[in-house]
Structure formats: C-alpha cells, structure tokens
Amino acid sequence: MLLIFMDIVNKNNISTIVDSFIEKKGYKAEDFSETDDLLNNGIFDSLDVINIILEIEDTLGLNVNTENLNETINKKWFFNVN
C-alpha cells in the first residue's frame, strides 16, 4: 500500500515539474495529455528534456531511466524512475 501511495506521489510531483516546463514555453499544461509527443511536436527540445531530468533528480531524488530515448518523449516517459 505504501509503495502505491509513493508511486502516486512521485507521478504527481513529476507531472508538476513537467507541466512547469510546458508553461515556461508559453503553453497551457492542461492542453497536453500524458501521451502527447512533447519532443517531436516541438514543445520541448533535447536540452529541455535534460533539464527536466535534472530537476526531477535534484528535487525528488529520483533517477529517470534514460535507456528509452528512442520512445516518444511525453509526460508519461518521465514517470519511468528508480
């Protein structure tokens, strides 16, 4: 039960970080679902992805699994942490 709670908290915190980067780019975070491709649609560039990963790691102490860089970079992609 505690693991499920922590997973939900982590996802919420990660979503908040990703959403803040979307809003810094001048977009409304609520206009994007968890599956919208943020990189290929030009919302983020590769430096933004790196900065989001660093923010998640620095703020939450979580490591984003970057082995799946060939996948679509969307909000959900950042949830793959350990």
N, C-alpha and C. Protein backbone atom coordinates (compact mmCIF):
# COMPACT_ATOMS: atom_id res chain seq x y z
N MET A 1 0.83 -1.20 0.00
CA MET A 1 0.00 0.00 0.00
C MET A 1 0.87 1.25 0.00
N LEU A 2 1.92 1.26 0.79
CA LEU A 2 2.81 2.42 0.86
C LEU A 2 3.50 2.65 -0.49
N LEU A 3 3.88 1.56 -1.17
CA LEU A 3 4.52 1.70 -2.49
C LEU A 3 3.58 2.33 -3.50
N ILE A 4 2.31 1.94 -3.46
CA ILE A 4 1.33 2.52 -4.37
C ILE A 4 1.17 4.00 -4.08
N PHE A 5 1.11 4.38 -2.82
CA PHE A 5 0.99 5.78 -2.43
C PHE A 5 2.20 6.57 -2.91
N MET A 6 3.40 6.02 -2.71
CA MET A 6 4.62 6.70 -3.14
C MET A 6 4.67 6.85 -4.66
N ASP A 7 4.18 5.84 -5.37
CA ASP A 7 4.14 5.89 -6.83
C ASP A 7 3.23 7.03 -7.29
N ILE A 8 2.07 7.17 -6.65
CA ILE A 8 1.13 8.24 -6.99
C ILE A 8 1.74 9.60 -6.67
N VAL A 9 2.37 9.72 -5.51
CA VAL A 9 3.01 10.98 -5.12
C VAL A 9 4.12 11.33 -6.10
N ASN A 10 4.95 10.36 -6.45
CA ASN A 10 6.03 10.61 -7.42
C ASN A 10 5.48 11.06 -8.76
N LYS A 11 4.44 10.40 -9.25
CA LYS A 11 3.85 10.78 -10.54
C LYS A 11 3.28 12.19 -10.48
N ASN A 12 2.63 12.52 -9.39
CA ASN A 12 2.09 13.88 -9.24
C ASN A 12 3.21 14.91 -9.21
N ASN A 13 4.26 14.63 -8.48
CA ASN A 13 5.39 15.56 -8.40
C ASN A 13 6.10 15.69 -9.74
N ILE A 14 6.27 14.59 -10.44
CA ILE A 14 6.90 14.62 -11.76
C ILE A 14 6.02 15.39 -12.73
N SER A 15 4.72 15.15 -12.69
CA SER A 15 3.80 15.88 -13.57
C SER A 15 3.89 17.39 -13.32
N THR A 16 3.99 17.76 -12.07
CA THR A 16 4.11 19.19 -11.73
C THR A 16 5.37 19.79 -12.34
N ILE A 17 6.47 19.06 -12.27
CA ILE A 17 7.73 19.55 -12.85
C ILE A 17 7.61 19.66 -14.38
N VAL A 18 7.11 18.61 -15.02
CA VAL A 18 6.97 18.64 -16.48
C VAL A 18 6.00 19.75 -16.90
N ASP A 19 4.90 19.88 -16.18
CA ASP A 19 3.92 20.93 -16.50
C ASP A 19 4.54 22.32 -16.37
N SER A 20 5.38 22.51 -15.38
CA SER A 20 6.01 23.83 -15.22
C SER A 20 6.92 24.16 -16.41
N PHE A 21 7.58 23.16 -16.95
CA PHE A 21 8.41 23.38 -18.14
C PHE A 21 7.54 23.69 -19.36
N ILE A 22 6.41 23.02 -19.47
CA ILE A 22 5.48 23.31 -20.58
C ILE A 22 5.02 24.76 -20.49
N GLU A 23 4.66 25.19 -19.29
CA GLU A 23 4.17 26.55 -19.11
C GLU A 23 5.27 27.59 -19.32
N LYS A 24 6.51 27.27 -18.98
CA LYS A 24 7.63 28.17 -19.26
C LYS A 24 7.81 28.40 -20.75
N LYS A 25 7.37 27.43 -21.54
CA LYS A 25 7.46 27.53 -23.00
C LYS A 25 6.27 28.31 -23.59
N GLY A 26 5.35 28.73 -22.73
CA GLY A 26 4.22 29.53 -23.18
C GLY A 26 2.97 28.75 -23.53
N TYR A 27 2.92 27.49 -23.16
CA TYR A 27 1.76 26.65 -23.43
C TYR A 27 0.99 26.39 -22.13
N LYS A 28 -0.23 25.93 -22.26
CA LYS A 28 -1.03 25.51 -21.11
C LYS A 28 -0.80 24.01 -20.91
N ALA A 29 -0.37 23.64 -19.73
CA ALA A 29 -0.07 22.23 -19.45
C ALA A 29 -1.29 21.34 -19.63
N GLU A 30 -2.46 21.85 -19.30
CA GLU A 30 -3.67 21.03 -19.41
C GLU A 30 -4.06 20.73 -20.86
N ASP A 31 -3.43 21.41 -21.82
CA ASP A 31 -3.70 21.14 -23.23
C ASP A 31 -2.99 19.87 -23.73
N PHE A 32 -2.15 19.28 -22.88
CA PHE A 32 -1.37 18.11 -23.29
C PHE A 32 -1.69 16.93 -22.39
N SER A 33 -1.95 15.79 -23.02
CA SER A 33 -2.20 14.57 -22.25
C SER A 33 -0.86 13.93 -21.88
N GLU A 34 -0.94 12.85 -21.12
CA GLU A 34 0.28 12.13 -20.74
C GLU A 34 0.95 11.47 -21.93
N THR A 35 0.23 11.33 -23.04
CA THR A 35 0.78 10.60 -24.18
C THR A 35 1.13 11.49 -25.38
N ASP A 36 0.88 12.78 -25.29
CA ASP A 36 1.24 13.68 -26.40
C ASP A 36 2.76 13.77 -26.52
N ASP A 37 3.25 13.67 -27.74
CA ASP A 37 4.69 13.71 -28.01
C ASP A 37 5.19 15.15 -27.88
N LEU A 38 5.87 15.43 -26.79
CA LEU A 38 6.32 16.80 -26.49
C LEU A 38 7.60 17.16 -27.23
N LEU A 39 8.39 16.18 -27.57
CA LEU A 39 9.65 16.45 -28.27
C LEU A 39 9.41 16.62 -29.77
N ASN A 40 8.78 15.65 -30.39
CA ASN A 40 8.56 15.71 -31.84
C ASN A 40 7.56 16.77 -32.26
N ASN A 41 6.70 17.22 -31.34
CA ASN A 41 5.76 18.29 -31.64
C ASN A 41 6.36 19.67 -31.37
N GLY A 42 7.62 19.71 -30.96
CA GLY A 42 8.31 20.98 -30.79
C GLY A 42 8.03 21.72 -29.49
N ILE A 43 7.37 21.08 -28.56
CA ILE A 43 7.12 21.72 -27.26
C ILE A 43 8.43 21.78 -26.48
N PHE A 44 9.16 20.68 -26.47
CA PHE A 44 10.47 20.60 -25.83
C PHE A 44 11.54 20.34 -26.87
N ASP A 45 12.75 20.79 -26.57
CA ASP A 45 13.91 20.36 -27.35
C ASP A 45 14.74 19.45 -26.44
N SER A 46 15.83 18.93 -26.96
CA SER A 46 16.61 17.96 -26.20
C SER A 46 17.18 18.57 -24.91
N LEU A 47 17.51 19.84 -24.93
CA LEU A 47 18.02 20.50 -23.72
C LEU A 47 16.94 20.59 -22.65
N ASP A 48 15.69 20.84 -23.07
CA ASP A 48 14.59 20.84 -22.12
C ASP A 48 14.44 19.48 -21.45
N VAL A 49 14.55 18.41 -22.23
CA VAL A 49 14.42 17.06 -21.68
C VAL A 49 15.50 16.83 -20.62
N ILE A 50 16.73 17.25 -20.92
CA ILE A 50 17.82 17.10 -19.95
C ILE A 50 17.54 17.92 -18.70
N ASN A 51 17.07 19.14 -18.87
CA ASN A 51 16.78 19.99 -17.71
C ASN A 51 15.66 19.44 -16.85
N ILE A 52 14.66 18.83 -17.48
CA ILE A 52 13.58 18.20 -16.71
C ILE A 52 14.11 17.01 -15.93
N ILE A 53 14.93 16.19 -16.57
CA ILE A 53 15.53 15.04 -15.88
C ILE A 53 16.34 15.52 -14.67
N LEU A 54 17.14 16.55 -14.86
CA LEU A 54 17.95 17.08 -13.75
C LEU A 54 17.08 17.63 -12.63
N GLU A 55 16.00 18.31 -12.99
CA GLU A 55 15.08 18.84 -11.97
C GLU A 55 14.43 17.71 -11.18
N ILE A 56 14.00 16.66 -11.86
CA ILE A 56 13.41 15.51 -11.17
C ILE A 56 14.43 14.88 -10.23
N GLU A 57 15.65 14.71 -10.72
CA GLU A 57 16.68 14.10 -9.90
C GLU A 57 17.06 14.98 -8.71
N ASP A 58 17.22 16.28 -8.95
CA ASP A 58 17.62 17.20 -7.87
C ASP A 58 16.51 17.42 -6.86
N THR A 59 15.29 17.59 -7.34
CA THR A 59 14.16 17.92 -6.47
C THR A 59 13.60 16.71 -5.74
N LEU A 60 13.47 15.61 -6.45
CA LEU A 60 12.80 14.44 -5.89
C LEU A 60 13.74 13.30 -5.50
N GLY A 61 15.00 13.40 -5.90
CA GLY A 61 15.95 12.35 -5.59
C GLY A 61 15.69 11.07 -6.35
N LEU A 62 15.03 11.18 -7.50
CA LEU A 62 14.71 10.01 -8.33
C LEU A 62 15.56 10.05 -9.59
N ASN A 63 15.90 8.88 -10.10
CA ASN A 63 16.65 8.79 -11.34
C ASN A 63 15.72 8.39 -12.48
N VAL A 64 15.67 9.23 -13.52
CA VAL A 64 14.86 8.93 -14.68
C VAL A 64 15.62 7.93 -15.55
N ASN A 65 14.94 6.86 -15.94
CA ASN A 65 15.54 5.85 -16.80
C ASN A 65 15.63 6.41 -18.21
N THR A 66 16.83 6.69 -18.67
CA THR A 66 17.03 7.30 -19.99
C THR A 66 17.37 6.26 -21.06
N GLU A 67 17.21 5.00 -20.76
CA GLU A 67 17.50 3.96 -21.75
C GLU A 67 16.48 3.94 -22.87
N ASN A 68 15.33 4.56 -22.67
CA ASN A 68 14.25 4.52 -23.65
C ASN A 68 14.15 5.82 -24.44
N LEU A 69 15.27 6.41 -24.80
CA LEU A 69 15.25 7.68 -25.51
C LEU A 69 14.69 7.56 -26.93
N ASN A 70 14.58 6.36 -27.45
CA ASN A 70 14.00 6.17 -28.78
C ASN A 70 12.48 6.19 -28.74
N GLU A 71 11.92 6.15 -27.55
CA GLU A 71 10.47 6.18 -27.41
C GLU A 71 9.97 7.62 -27.51
N THR A 72 8.67 7.75 -27.59
CA THR A 72 8.04 9.06 -27.58
C THR A 72 8.31 9.74 -26.25
N ILE A 73 8.77 10.99 -26.30
CA ILE A 73 9.02 11.75 -25.07
C ILE A 73 7.74 12.51 -24.74
N ASN A 74 7.00 11.98 -23.79
CA ASN A 74 5.76 12.59 -23.34
C ASN A 74 5.80 12.66 -21.81
N LYS A 75 4.75 13.15 -21.21
CA LYS A 75 4.72 13.26 -19.75
C LYS A 75 4.97 11.90 -19.09
N LYS A 76 4.35 10.86 -19.66
CA LYS A 76 4.48 9.51 -19.10
C LYS A 76 5.92 9.00 -19.13
N TRP A 77 6.67 9.40 -20.14
CA TRP A 77 8.05 8.94 -20.28
C TRP A 77 8.87 9.28 -19.04
N PHE A 78 8.61 10.43 -18.43
CA PHE A 78 9.36 10.86 -17.26
C PHE A 78 9.00 10.08 -15.99
N PHE A 79 7.88 9.33 -16.02
CA PHE A 79 7.47 8.54 -14.86
C PHE A 79 8.34 7.31 -14.65
N ASN A 80 9.16 6.95 -15.64
CA ASN A 80 10.00 5.76 -15.56
C ASN A 80 11.23 6.08 -14.71
N VAL A 81 11.05 6.00 -13.40
CA VAL A 81 12.11 6.37 -12.46
C VAL A 81 12.46 5.19 -11.56
N ASN A 82 13.63 5.32 -10.96
CA ASN A 82 14.03 4.32 -9.95
C ASN A 82 14.79 5.03 -8.86
